[in-house]
Amino acid sequence: MRTKVLERFPAGAPRGSWPAEEYAARCRAEGEPATVVMDLRSDAFLVVVDTAQEEAA
């Protein structure tokens, strides 16, 4: 599976703040099938899309 990173967010956001999830929700509202994943190596949340779905559309 190929993915494209749309945005990165540090994992140290204040408690109760979910900037990666909020950004992904805005992307989904605009029709972009974005999801949030955790990159353990960089300690960051990534908002990604599956490029295979993007190419099929």
N, C-alpha and C. Protein backbone atom coordinates (compact mmCIF):
# COMPACT_ATOMS: atom_id res chain seq x y z
N MET A 1 0.85 -1.17 0.00
CA MET A 1 0.00 0.00 0.00
C MET A 1 0.90 1.24 0.00
N ARG A 2 0.60 2.18 -0.84
CA ARG A 2 1.34 3.44 -0.90
C ARG A 2 0.51 4.53 -0.24
N THR A 3 1.19 5.36 0.53
CA THR A 3 0.50 6.45 1.20
C THR A 3 1.22 7.76 0.94
N LYS A 4 0.47 8.84 1.04
CA LYS A 4 1.02 10.18 0.90
C LYS A 4 0.74 10.92 2.20
N VAL A 5 1.78 11.53 2.77
CA VAL A 5 1.63 12.29 4.01
C VAL A 5 1.15 13.69 3.67
N LEU A 6 0.01 14.07 4.22
CA LEU A 6 -0.53 15.41 4.00
C LEU A 6 0.01 16.41 5.01
N GLU A 7 0.18 15.96 6.26
CA GLU A 7 0.60 16.87 7.32
C GLU A 7 1.17 16.07 8.48
N ARG A 8 2.09 16.68 9.24
CA ARG A 8 2.68 16.07 10.44
C ARG A 8 2.35 16.94 11.65
N PHE A 9 2.10 16.26 12.78
CA PHE A 9 1.81 16.96 14.02
C PHE A 9 2.61 16.31 15.14
N PRO A 10 3.30 17.09 15.96
CA PRO A 10 4.05 16.50 17.07
C PRO A 10 3.12 15.80 18.05
N ALA A 11 3.60 14.73 18.65
CA ALA A 11 2.78 13.94 19.57
C ALA A 11 2.57 14.65 20.90
N GLY A 12 3.31 15.70 21.17
CA GLY A 12 3.22 16.38 22.45
C GLY A 12 2.18 17.47 22.53
N ALA A 13 1.07 17.34 21.87
CA ALA A 13 0.01 18.35 21.93
C ALA A 13 -0.57 18.40 23.34
N PRO A 14 -1.09 19.54 23.74
CA PRO A 14 -1.68 19.65 25.08
C PRO A 14 -2.81 18.65 25.27
N ARG A 15 -3.00 18.23 26.50
CA ARG A 15 -4.06 17.26 26.81
C ARG A 15 -5.41 17.78 26.34
N GLY A 16 -6.16 16.91 25.67
CA GLY A 16 -7.48 17.29 25.17
C GLY A 16 -7.44 17.94 23.79
N SER A 17 -6.24 18.13 23.26
CA SER A 17 -6.08 18.72 21.93
C SER A 17 -5.72 17.62 20.94
N TRP A 18 -6.42 17.57 19.83
CA TRP A 18 -6.22 16.54 18.82
C TRP A 18 -6.04 17.19 17.45
N PRO A 19 -4.97 17.94 17.22
CA PRO A 19 -4.82 18.66 15.96
C PRO A 19 -4.77 17.77 14.73
N ALA A 20 -4.16 16.60 14.84
CA ALA A 20 -4.09 15.70 13.68
C ALA A 20 -5.49 15.19 13.33
N GLU A 21 -6.26 14.80 14.33
CA GLU A 21 -7.62 14.31 14.09
C GLU A 21 -8.51 15.41 13.52
N GLU A 22 -8.33 16.63 14.02
CA GLU A 22 -9.12 17.75 13.52
C GLU A 22 -8.78 18.05 12.06
N TYR A 23 -7.49 18.01 11.73
CA TYR A 23 -7.06 18.26 10.35
C TYR A 23 -7.60 17.16 9.42
N ALA A 24 -7.51 15.91 9.87
CA ALA A 24 -8.02 14.79 9.07
C ALA A 24 -9.52 14.92 8.85
N ALA A 25 -10.24 15.36 9.88
CA ALA A 25 -11.69 15.54 9.75
C ALA A 25 -12.01 16.61 8.71
N ARG A 26 -11.23 17.71 8.70
CA ARG A 26 -11.45 18.75 7.69
C ARG A 26 -11.17 18.20 6.29
N CYS A 27 -10.12 17.38 6.16
CA CYS A 27 -9.81 16.78 4.86
C CYS A 27 -10.94 15.86 4.41
N ARG A 28 -11.46 15.05 5.34
CA ARG A 28 -12.56 14.14 4.98
C ARG A 28 -13.81 14.93 4.59
N ALA A 29 -14.05 16.06 5.24
CA ALA A 29 -15.20 16.89 4.90
C ALA A 29 -15.08 17.45 3.48
N GLU A 30 -13.83 17.60 3.01
CA GLU A 30 -13.59 18.08 1.65
C GLU A 30 -13.47 16.94 0.64
N GLY A 31 -13.73 15.69 1.08
CA GLY A 31 -13.72 14.55 0.18
C GLY A 31 -12.41 13.79 0.10
N GLU A 32 -11.43 14.16 0.90
CA GLU A 32 -10.13 13.48 0.91
C GLU A 32 -10.18 12.39 1.98
N PRO A 33 -9.97 11.11 1.63
CA PRO A 33 -10.10 10.02 2.61
C PRO A 33 -8.89 9.94 3.55
N ALA A 34 -8.71 10.94 4.38
CA ALA A 34 -7.54 11.04 5.25
C ALA A 34 -7.71 10.22 6.53
N THR A 35 -6.60 9.65 6.99
CA THR A 35 -6.56 8.95 8.26
C THR A 35 -5.34 9.41 9.04
N VAL A 36 -5.34 9.14 10.34
CA VAL A 36 -4.23 9.53 11.20
C VAL A 36 -3.49 8.27 11.62
N VAL A 37 -2.18 8.31 11.51
CA VAL A 37 -1.33 7.21 11.97
C VAL A 37 -0.23 7.79 12.86
N MET A 38 0.34 6.95 13.69
CA MET A 38 1.43 7.37 14.57
C MET A 38 2.75 6.90 13.98
N ASP A 39 3.70 7.83 13.84
CA ASP A 39 5.05 7.49 13.41
C ASP A 39 5.90 7.44 14.67
N LEU A 40 6.21 6.23 15.14
CA LEU A 40 6.93 6.07 16.40
C LEU A 40 8.36 6.60 16.31
N ARG A 41 8.99 6.46 15.17
CA ARG A 41 10.38 6.92 15.02
C ARG A 41 10.51 8.43 15.23
N SER A 42 9.56 9.19 14.69
CA SER A 42 9.65 10.65 14.81
C SER A 42 8.76 11.19 15.93
N ASP A 43 8.03 10.31 16.63
CA ASP A 43 7.11 10.69 17.69
C ASP A 43 6.14 11.77 17.21
N ALA A 44 5.49 11.45 16.09
CA ALA A 44 4.56 12.40 15.48
C ALA A 44 3.34 11.66 14.93
N PHE A 45 2.24 12.39 14.86
CA PHE A 45 1.05 11.87 14.20
C PHE A 45 1.08 12.36 12.76
N LEU A 46 0.80 11.46 11.83
CA LEU A 46 0.78 11.80 10.41
C LEU A 46 -0.63 11.68 9.88
N VAL A 47 -1.04 12.65 9.09
CA VAL A 47 -2.32 12.57 8.38
C VAL A 47 -1.97 12.09 6.98
N VAL A 48 -2.50 10.93 6.61
CA VAL A 48 -2.13 10.29 5.35
C VAL A 48 -3.37 9.94 4.52
N VAL A 49 -3.12 9.76 3.23
CA VAL A 49 -4.14 9.22 2.31
C VAL A 49 -3.51 8.07 1.54
N ASP A 50 -4.32 7.11 1.20
CA ASP A 50 -3.89 5.97 0.40
C ASP A 50 -3.83 6.43 -1.05
N THR A 51 -2.65 6.41 -1.65
CA THR A 51 -2.51 6.91 -3.02
C THR A 51 -3.15 5.98 -4.04
N ALA A 52 -3.31 4.69 -3.72
CA ALA A 52 -3.98 3.77 -4.64
C ALA A 52 -5.43 4.20 -4.83
N GLN A 53 -6.11 4.62 -3.75
CA GLN A 53 -7.48 5.11 -3.85
C GLN A 53 -7.52 6.40 -4.65
N GLU A 54 -6.53 7.26 -4.44
CA GLU A 54 -6.47 8.54 -5.14
C GLU A 54 -6.32 8.35 -6.64
N GLU A 55 -5.48 7.37 -7.05
CA GLU A 55 -5.25 7.11 -8.47
C GLU A 55 -6.47 6.48 -9.13
N ALA A 56 -7.25 5.67 -8.37
CA ALA A 56 -8.40 5.00 -8.93
C ALA A 56 -9.56 5.96 -9.16
N ALA A 57 -9.58 7.05 -8.44
CA ALA A 57 -10.70 8.00 -8.54
C ALA A 57 -10.61 8.86 -9.76
